[in-house]
N, C-alpha and C. Protein backbone atom coordinates (compact mmCIF):
# COMPACT_ATOMS: atom_id res chain seq x y z
N MET A 1 171.38 30.37 -36.10
CA MET A 1 170.43 31.04 -37.00
C MET A 1 169.33 30.17 -37.11
N THR A 2 168.00 30.45 -37.02
CA THR A 2 166.76 29.48 -36.97
C THR A 2 166.36 29.84 -38.70
N SER A 3 165.92 28.34 -39.09
CA SER A 3 165.82 28.15 -40.57
C SER A 3 164.23 28.55 -40.76
N LEU A 4 163.59 29.00 -41.74
CA LEU A 4 162.38 29.13 -41.90
C LEU A 4 161.50 27.90 -41.63
N PRO A 5 160.43 27.80 -41.21
CA PRO A 5 159.77 26.69 -41.86
C PRO A 5 158.99 26.60 -42.91
N GLN A 6 158.78 25.53 -43.58
CA GLN A 6 158.48 25.16 -44.73
C GLN A 6 157.20 25.61 -45.39
N ILE A 7 156.99 25.93 -46.50
CA ILE A 7 155.82 25.94 -47.25
C ILE A 7 155.24 24.85 -47.73
N LEU A 8 153.90 23.85 -47.26
CA LEU A 8 153.72 22.92 -48.08
C LEU A 8 152.43 23.03 -48.98
N LEU A 9 153.26 22.82 -50.25
CA LEU A 9 151.98 23.08 -51.30
C LEU A 9 151.29 21.73 -51.57
N VAL A 10 150.17 21.60 -51.76
CA VAL A 10 149.17 20.32 -52.18
C VAL A 10 148.37 20.75 -53.05
N GLU A 11 149.32 20.34 -54.00
CA GLU A 11 148.63 20.39 -55.54
C GLU A 11 148.70 19.37 -56.15
N ASP A 12 147.47 18.57 -56.97
CA ASP A 12 148.10 17.80 -57.79
C ASP A 12 148.05 17.97 -59.43
N SER A 13 147.88 19.42 -59.56
CA SER A 13 148.14 19.59 -60.86
C SER A 13 149.55 20.14 -61.29
N GLN A 14 150.23 19.54 -62.24
CA GLN A 14 151.51 19.59 -62.09
C GLN A 14 151.96 21.21 -62.56
N ARG A 15 151.27 21.52 -63.77
CA ARG A 15 151.41 22.77 -63.98
C ARG A 15 150.90 23.70 -63.20
N ASP A 16 150.04 23.93 -62.24
CA ASP A 16 149.50 24.69 -61.30
C ASP A 16 150.66 24.66 -60.19
N ALA A 17 151.03 23.56 -59.66
CA ALA A 17 152.20 23.37 -58.84
C ALA A 17 153.57 24.25 -59.35
N GLU A 18 153.98 24.41 -60.56
CA GLU A 18 154.90 24.33 -61.30
C GLU A 18 154.80 26.15 -61.01
N LEU A 19 153.62 26.82 -61.52
CA LEU A 19 153.52 28.07 -61.24
C LEU A 19 153.48 28.87 -60.43
N ALA A 20 152.88 27.88 -59.01
CA ALA A 20 152.70 28.18 -57.84
C ALA A 20 154.51 28.27 -57.22
N MET A 21 155.09 27.61 -57.53
CA MET A 21 156.53 27.63 -56.85
C MET A 21 157.13 28.61 -57.71
N ASP A 22 157.23 28.57 -58.76
CA ASP A 22 157.83 29.88 -59.48
C ASP A 22 157.43 31.21 -58.74
N ALA A 23 156.27 31.41 -58.79
CA ALA A 23 155.91 32.52 -58.23
C ALA A 23 156.25 33.10 -57.00
N LEU A 24 156.17 32.02 -56.30
CA LEU A 24 156.71 32.24 -54.58
C LEU A 24 158.06 32.07 -54.96
N GLU A 25 158.99 32.07 -55.68
CA GLU A 25 160.56 32.09 -55.82
C GLU A 25 160.69 33.45 -56.23
N GLU A 26 159.57 33.78 -57.12
CA GLU A 26 160.02 35.08 -57.87
C GLU A 26 159.49 36.15 -57.14
N ASN A 27 159.20 36.31 -55.98
CA ASN A 27 158.71 37.16 -55.10
C ASN A 27 159.67 36.94 -53.60
N HIS A 28 160.73 35.96 -53.97
CA HIS A 28 161.82 36.12 -53.05
C HIS A 28 161.45 35.41 -51.68
N ILE A 29 160.49 34.57 -51.65
CA ILE A 29 159.92 33.97 -50.56
C ILE A 29 161.54 32.95 -50.35
N SER A 30 161.94 33.25 -48.91
CA SER A 30 163.15 32.35 -48.87
C SER A 30 162.59 31.18 -48.13
N ASN A 31 161.38 30.81 -47.75
CA ASN A 31 160.92 29.31 -47.36
C ASN A 31 161.48 28.07 -48.43
N ASP A 32 161.76 27.30 -48.05
CA ASP A 32 161.34 26.23 -48.52
C ASP A 32 160.27 25.31 -49.16
N ILE A 33 159.96 25.12 -50.36
CA ILE A 33 158.92 24.81 -50.90
C ILE A 33 158.56 23.23 -50.68
N LEU A 34 157.84 22.34 -50.28
CA LEU A 34 157.52 21.29 -50.58
C LEU A 34 156.40 20.69 -50.93
N TRP A 35 156.31 20.36 -52.38
CA TRP A 35 154.87 20.00 -53.08
C TRP A 35 154.78 18.54 -53.02
N VAL A 36 153.39 18.39 -52.65
CA VAL A 36 153.10 17.31 -52.32
C VAL A 36 151.91 17.19 -53.60
N ARG A 37 151.59 16.10 -54.18
CA ARG A 37 150.26 15.86 -55.22
C ARG A 37 149.31 15.21 -54.65
N ASP A 38 148.79 15.10 -53.46
CA ASP A 38 147.50 14.70 -52.96
C ASP A 38 147.00 14.88 -51.44
N GLY A 39 146.42 14.72 -50.91
CA GLY A 39 145.80 14.82 -49.98
C GLY A 39 146.53 13.88 -48.95
N GLU A 40 146.41 12.42 -49.49
CA GLU A 40 147.24 11.56 -48.54
C GLU A 40 148.74 11.61 -48.05
N GLU A 41 149.64 12.26 -49.20
CA GLU A 41 150.85 12.50 -49.07
C GLU A 41 150.73 14.22 -48.17
N ALA A 42 149.93 15.06 -48.08
CA ALA A 42 149.89 15.81 -47.09
C ALA A 42 149.75 15.30 -45.80
N LEU A 43 148.72 14.16 -45.34
CA LEU A 43 148.69 14.03 -44.49
C LEU A 43 149.80 13.18 -43.65
N ASP A 44 150.38 12.29 -44.81
CA ASP A 44 151.81 11.83 -44.40
C ASP A 44 153.24 13.12 -43.86
N PHE A 45 152.91 13.58 -44.83
CA PHE A 45 153.98 14.75 -44.45
C PHE A 45 153.59 15.26 -42.82
N LEU A 46 152.45 15.81 -42.92
CA LEU A 46 152.07 16.52 -41.48
C LEU A 46 151.85 15.58 -40.18
N PHE A 47 151.43 14.64 -40.48
CA PHE A 47 151.51 13.45 -39.46
C PHE A 47 153.19 12.91 -38.90
N ALA A 48 153.70 13.24 -40.40
CA ALA A 48 155.35 12.44 -39.93
C ALA A 48 155.14 10.96 -40.43
N ARG A 49 154.46 10.51 -41.24
CA ARG A 49 154.44 9.06 -41.05
C ARG A 49 154.72 8.71 -42.71
N GLY A 50 154.52 7.30 -42.82
CA GLY A 50 154.79 6.88 -44.57
C GLY A 50 156.55 7.40 -45.25
N ASP A 51 156.63 7.83 -45.88
CA ASP A 51 157.56 8.80 -46.83
C ASP A 51 158.34 9.97 -45.92
N PHE A 52 157.62 10.38 -44.92
CA PHE A 52 158.21 11.52 -44.40
C PHE A 52 158.41 11.09 -42.91
N ALA A 53 158.25 9.68 -42.56
CA ALA A 53 158.39 9.36 -41.28
C ALA A 53 159.61 10.00 -40.16
N ASN A 54 160.70 10.07 -41.15
CA ASN A 54 161.96 10.86 -40.47
C ASN A 54 162.12 11.99 -41.27
N ARG A 55 161.37 13.00 -41.24
CA ARG A 55 161.80 14.49 -41.80
C ARG A 55 161.43 15.42 -40.52
N PRO A 56 162.44 16.51 -40.59
CA PRO A 56 162.91 17.20 -39.67
C PRO A 56 161.65 17.44 -38.65
N PRO A 57 162.01 17.63 -37.30
CA PRO A 57 160.32 18.29 -36.49
C PRO A 57 159.94 19.46 -37.20
N GLY A 58 158.62 19.91 -36.95
CA GLY A 58 158.36 21.21 -37.00
C GLY A 58 157.13 21.42 -38.07
N ASN A 59 155.99 22.16 -38.13
CA ASN A 59 154.98 22.36 -38.84
C ASN A 59 155.56 23.39 -40.01
N PRO A 60 154.41 23.40 -41.46
CA PRO A 60 154.91 24.59 -42.20
C PRO A 60 154.58 25.60 -41.77
N ALA A 61 155.10 26.85 -42.09
CA ALA A 61 154.62 28.22 -42.46
C ALA A 61 153.16 28.36 -42.55
N VAL A 62 152.93 28.01 -43.62
CA VAL A 62 151.25 27.60 -44.56
C VAL A 62 151.23 26.18 -45.29
N VAL A 63 150.11 25.98 -45.11
CA VAL A 63 149.60 24.91 -46.21
C VAL A 63 148.81 25.33 -47.21
N LEU A 64 149.04 25.49 -48.60
CA LEU A 64 148.49 25.97 -49.41
C LEU A 64 147.90 24.89 -50.02
N LEU A 65 146.47 24.60 -50.19
CA LEU A 65 145.88 23.10 -50.34
C LEU A 65 145.03 23.61 -51.63
N ASP A 66 144.94 22.22 -52.12
CA ASP A 66 143.95 22.53 -53.27
C ASP A 66 142.57 21.62 -52.93
N LEU A 67 141.26 22.13 -53.62
CA LEU A 67 140.34 21.43 -52.87
C LEU A 67 139.67 20.02 -53.60
N LYS A 68 140.22 19.94 -54.86
CA LYS A 68 139.75 18.75 -55.15
C LYS A 68 140.49 17.89 -55.93
N MET A 69 141.13 16.70 -54.97
CA MET A 69 142.47 15.85 -55.27
C MET A 69 141.91 14.48 -55.39
N PRO A 70 142.84 13.53 -55.88
CA PRO A 70 142.80 12.28 -56.05
C PRO A 70 142.74 11.74 -54.59
N LYS A 71 142.69 10.85 -53.86
CA LYS A 71 142.46 9.91 -52.98
C LYS A 71 141.96 10.64 -51.81
N VAL A 72 142.48 11.55 -51.22
CA VAL A 72 141.98 12.24 -49.98
C VAL A 72 141.97 13.67 -50.57
N ASP A 73 140.22 14.23 -50.37
CA ASP A 73 140.46 15.57 -50.76
C ASP A 73 140.87 16.82 -49.83
N GLY A 74 141.05 18.17 -50.19
CA GLY A 74 141.58 19.03 -49.50
C GLY A 74 140.23 19.43 -47.90
N LEU A 75 139.49 19.03 -48.27
CA LEU A 75 138.42 19.04 -46.86
C LEU A 75 138.89 17.78 -46.24
N GLU A 76 139.16 16.77 -46.33
CA GLU A 76 139.37 15.69 -45.79
C GLU A 76 140.57 16.08 -45.13
N VAL A 77 141.36 16.66 -45.53
CA VAL A 77 142.95 17.21 -45.04
C VAL A 77 142.34 17.79 -43.95
N LEU A 78 141.87 19.27 -44.22
CA LEU A 78 141.67 20.09 -43.20
C LEU A 78 141.15 19.29 -42.11
N ARG A 79 139.66 18.89 -42.46
CA ARG A 79 139.13 17.83 -41.36
C ARG A 79 139.93 17.37 -40.27
N THR A 80 141.00 16.31 -40.94
CA THR A 80 141.58 16.00 -40.05
C THR A 80 143.00 16.53 -39.20
N VAL A 81 143.38 17.29 -40.08
CA VAL A 81 144.30 18.41 -39.50
C VAL A 81 143.86 18.85 -38.21
N ARG A 82 142.62 19.45 -38.31
CA ARG A 82 141.89 20.41 -37.38
C ARG A 82 141.47 19.72 -36.12
N ALA A 83 141.11 18.40 -36.18
CA ALA A 83 140.93 17.51 -35.21
C ALA A 83 142.19 17.34 -34.51
N ASN A 84 143.72 17.81 -34.94
CA ASN A 84 144.63 17.37 -34.16
C ASN A 84 145.07 18.27 -33.42
N PRO A 85 145.17 18.61 -32.05
CA PRO A 85 145.61 19.70 -31.20
C PRO A 85 147.27 20.19 -31.77
N GLU A 86 147.88 19.13 -31.76
CA GLU A 86 149.30 19.78 -32.29
C GLU A 86 149.64 20.45 -33.83
N LEU A 87 148.70 19.85 -34.58
CA LEU A 87 148.74 20.70 -36.19
C LEU A 87 147.19 21.55 -36.10
N SER A 88 146.49 21.83 -35.37
CA SER A 88 145.21 22.98 -35.31
C SER A 88 146.13 24.25 -35.65
N ILE A 89 147.08 24.44 -35.02
CA ILE A 89 147.79 26.13 -35.46
C ILE A 89 148.07 26.59 -36.83
N ILE A 90 148.28 25.56 -37.87
CA ILE A 90 148.82 25.86 -39.26
C ILE A 90 147.92 26.08 -39.78
N PRO A 91 148.41 27.53 -40.43
CA PRO A 91 146.92 28.28 -41.10
C PRO A 91 147.06 27.54 -42.50
N PHE A 92 146.11 27.02 -43.35
CA PHE A 92 145.69 26.26 -44.45
C PHE A 92 144.98 27.46 -45.16
N VAL A 93 145.15 27.61 -45.99
CA VAL A 93 145.19 28.61 -47.74
C VAL A 93 144.69 27.49 -48.46
N MET A 94 143.23 27.60 -48.96
CA MET A 94 142.09 26.69 -50.05
C MET A 94 142.62 27.29 -51.58
N MET A 95 143.53 27.07 -52.17
CA MET A 95 143.64 27.55 -53.42
C MET A 95 143.12 26.26 -54.30
N THR A 96 142.09 27.15 -54.99
CA THR A 96 141.34 26.35 -55.80
C THR A 96 140.58 26.87 -56.83
N SER A 97 139.89 26.18 -57.76
CA SER A 97 139.03 26.64 -58.93
C SER A 97 137.54 26.69 -58.33
N SER A 98 137.16 25.97 -58.18
CA SER A 98 135.91 25.94 -57.58
C SER A 98 135.33 27.27 -56.57
N ARG A 99 134.20 27.82 -57.53
CA ARG A 99 133.68 29.12 -56.75
C ARG A 99 132.08 28.54 -56.03
N GLU A 100 132.37 27.00 -56.12
CA GLU A 100 130.75 26.58 -55.65
C GLU A 100 130.94 27.08 -53.77
N GLU A 101 129.83 27.76 -54.01
CA GLU A 101 129.13 28.58 -52.59
C GLU A 101 129.26 27.44 -51.27
N ARG A 102 129.42 26.10 -51.42
CA ARG A 102 129.20 25.24 -50.67
C ARG A 102 130.38 24.84 -50.49
N ASP A 103 131.46 24.77 -51.36
CA ASP A 103 132.92 24.55 -50.86
C ASP A 103 133.67 25.41 -50.22
N MET A 104 132.96 26.68 -50.58
CA MET A 104 133.86 27.68 -49.41
C MET A 104 133.24 27.51 -48.17
N VAL A 105 131.65 27.56 -47.89
CA VAL A 105 131.02 27.51 -46.68
C VAL A 105 131.71 26.29 -45.92
N THR A 106 132.21 25.17 -45.99
CA THR A 106 132.50 24.00 -46.00
C THR A 106 133.95 23.93 -45.39
N SER A 107 134.96 24.79 -46.14
CA SER A 107 136.40 25.14 -45.74
C SER A 107 136.65 25.99 -44.49
N TYR A 108 135.60 26.79 -44.79
CA TYR A 108 135.43 27.92 -43.59
C TYR A 108 135.06 27.40 -42.12
N GLU A 109 134.28 26.39 -42.39
CA GLU A 109 133.46 25.51 -41.00
C GLU A 109 134.39 24.71 -40.51
N LEU A 110 135.48 24.22 -41.49
CA LEU A 110 136.47 23.30 -41.11
C LEU A 110 137.84 24.02 -40.62
N GLY A 111 137.64 25.50 -40.34
CA GLY A 111 138.86 26.03 -40.32
C GLY A 111 140.28 26.80 -41.16
N VAL A 112 139.75 26.35 -42.36
CA VAL A 112 140.58 27.29 -43.01
C VAL A 112 140.69 28.57 -42.88
N ASN A 113 142.08 29.26 -43.17
CA ASN A 113 142.05 30.58 -42.76
C ASN A 113 141.74 31.38 -44.09
N ALA A 114 142.03 31.05 -45.27
CA ALA A 114 141.49 31.92 -46.22
C ALA A 114 141.50 30.83 -47.50
N TYR A 115 140.54 31.36 -48.18
CA TYR A 115 139.77 30.80 -49.53
C TYR A 115 140.34 31.52 -50.76
N VAL A 116 141.07 31.04 -51.61
CA VAL A 116 141.54 31.91 -52.47
C VAL A 116 141.06 31.07 -53.89
N VAL A 117 140.20 31.37 -54.92
CA VAL A 117 139.76 30.73 -56.04
C VAL A 117 140.86 31.36 -57.40
N LYS A 118 141.46 30.08 -57.65
CA LYS A 118 142.64 30.07 -58.80
C LYS A 118 142.00 31.11 -60.03
N PRO A 119 142.70 32.32 -60.41
CA PRO A 119 142.36 32.75 -61.40
C PRO A 119 142.92 32.23 -62.48
N VAL A 120 142.03 32.12 -63.63
CA VAL A 120 142.32 31.76 -64.68
C VAL A 120 143.30 32.09 -65.72
N GLN A 121 143.64 33.31 -65.96
CA GLN A 121 144.63 33.89 -66.33
C GLN A 121 145.92 33.85 -65.78
N PHE A 122 147.08 33.89 -66.49
CA PHE A 122 148.43 33.17 -65.91
C PHE A 122 148.94 34.25 -64.84
N ASN A 123 148.71 35.70 -65.52
CA ASN A 123 149.11 36.77 -64.52
C ASN A 123 148.75 36.88 -63.52
N GLU A 124 147.56 36.91 -63.67
CA GLU A 124 146.54 36.87 -61.74
C GLU A 124 146.73 35.72 -61.32
N PHE A 125 147.44 34.49 -61.36
CA PHE A 125 147.23 33.41 -61.02
C PHE A 125 148.90 33.57 -60.06
N VAL A 126 149.82 33.84 -61.00
CA VAL A 126 150.64 34.35 -60.17
C VAL A 126 150.99 35.09 -59.12
N GLU A 127 150.38 36.33 -59.87
CA GLU A 127 150.13 37.50 -58.35
C GLU A 127 149.30 36.96 -57.47
N ALA A 128 148.00 36.14 -57.61
CA ALA A 128 147.52 35.70 -56.53
C ALA A 128 148.35 34.83 -55.12
N VAL A 129 149.13 33.92 -55.90
CA VAL A 129 150.02 32.97 -55.28
C VAL A 129 151.78 34.04 -54.56
N LYS A 130 151.67 35.01 -54.92
CA LYS A 130 152.82 35.79 -54.63
C LYS A 130 152.16 36.43 -53.63
N THR A 131 150.99 36.90 -53.48
CA THR A 131 150.37 37.84 -52.31
C THR A 131 150.05 36.79 -51.14
N VAL A 132 149.44 35.80 -51.65
CA VAL A 132 149.52 34.39 -50.40
C VAL A 132 150.55 34.03 -49.74
N GLY A 133 151.65 34.02 -50.67
CA GLY A 133 152.81 33.42 -49.90
C GLY A 133 153.67 34.58 -49.16
N ARG A 134 153.41 35.69 -49.43
CA ARG A 134 154.07 36.57 -48.81
C ARG A 134 153.63 37.31 -47.69
N PHE A 135 152.02 36.90 -47.33
CA PHE A 135 151.51 37.43 -46.40
C PHE A 135 151.79 35.93 -45.28
N TRP A 136 151.68 34.77 -45.50
CA TRP A 136 151.59 33.79 -44.74
C TRP A 136 152.74 33.73 -44.26
N ALA A 137 153.86 33.60 -45.45
CA ALA A 137 155.40 33.06 -45.08
C ALA A 137 156.24 34.33 -44.52
N VAL A 138 155.92 35.05 -44.82
CA VAL A 138 156.48 36.79 -44.34
C VAL A 138 155.73 38.11 -43.53
N LEU A 139 154.63 37.89 -43.40
CA LEU A 139 154.23 38.88 -42.63
C LEU A 139 153.26 38.39 -41.73
N ASN A 140 152.87 37.40 -41.68
CA ASN A 140 152.02 36.64 -40.82
C ASN A 140 153.01 36.30 -39.57
N GLU A 141 152.72 36.85 -38.56
CA GLU A 141 153.25 36.25 -36.96
C GLU A 141 152.98 35.11 -36.55
N ARG A 142 153.64 34.15 -36.65
CA ARG A 142 153.58 33.31 -35.63
C ARG A 142 153.51 32.59 -34.12
N PRO A 143 152.84 32.05 -33.30
CA PRO A 143 153.54 31.91 -31.98
C PRO A 143 154.79 30.93 -32.01
N ARG A 144 155.60 31.52 -31.11
CA ARG A 144 156.88 31.03 -31.23
C ARG A 144 157.19 29.22 -30.95
N ASN A 145 156.00 28.78 -30.20
CA ASN A 145 156.00 26.99 -30.08
C ASN A 145 155.25 26.62 -31.37
N SER A 146 154.75 27.13 -32.18
CA SER A 146 153.70 26.64 -33.21
C SER A 146 154.74 25.94 -34.09
N SER A 147 155.99 25.42 -34.17
CA SER A 147 156.64 24.93 -35.14
C SER A 147 157.39 23.45 -34.35
């Protein structure tokens, strides 16, 4: 039996991360969810270095990426990953509170697959995460050699 690829959640807000993980679990997403708190940790995981040097091989099914974070922001994570041929196929969904046109345009120029503005209302946020998780982790077809 093949195990499902992880969902990588990159979010510096503990509250938003917990809400996102709860929403994914509530929607019966079977993929393991790995939460990292900043872009530096995300890059360490994706490039299997630092604390993640001995992680099992394979790419996540999707990366849910916050835009504004300490250390390394979401745009720099996206820029770095898209420059690497082995990782460039990973789907990225920017989940951010930023409605700034510049942030959205830059995200798409760097190869983000979707840009979702976090709703302020709790129920709307949970529904947005459920929809994103279901699409990217369940419905989206991935090339066989992408993990």
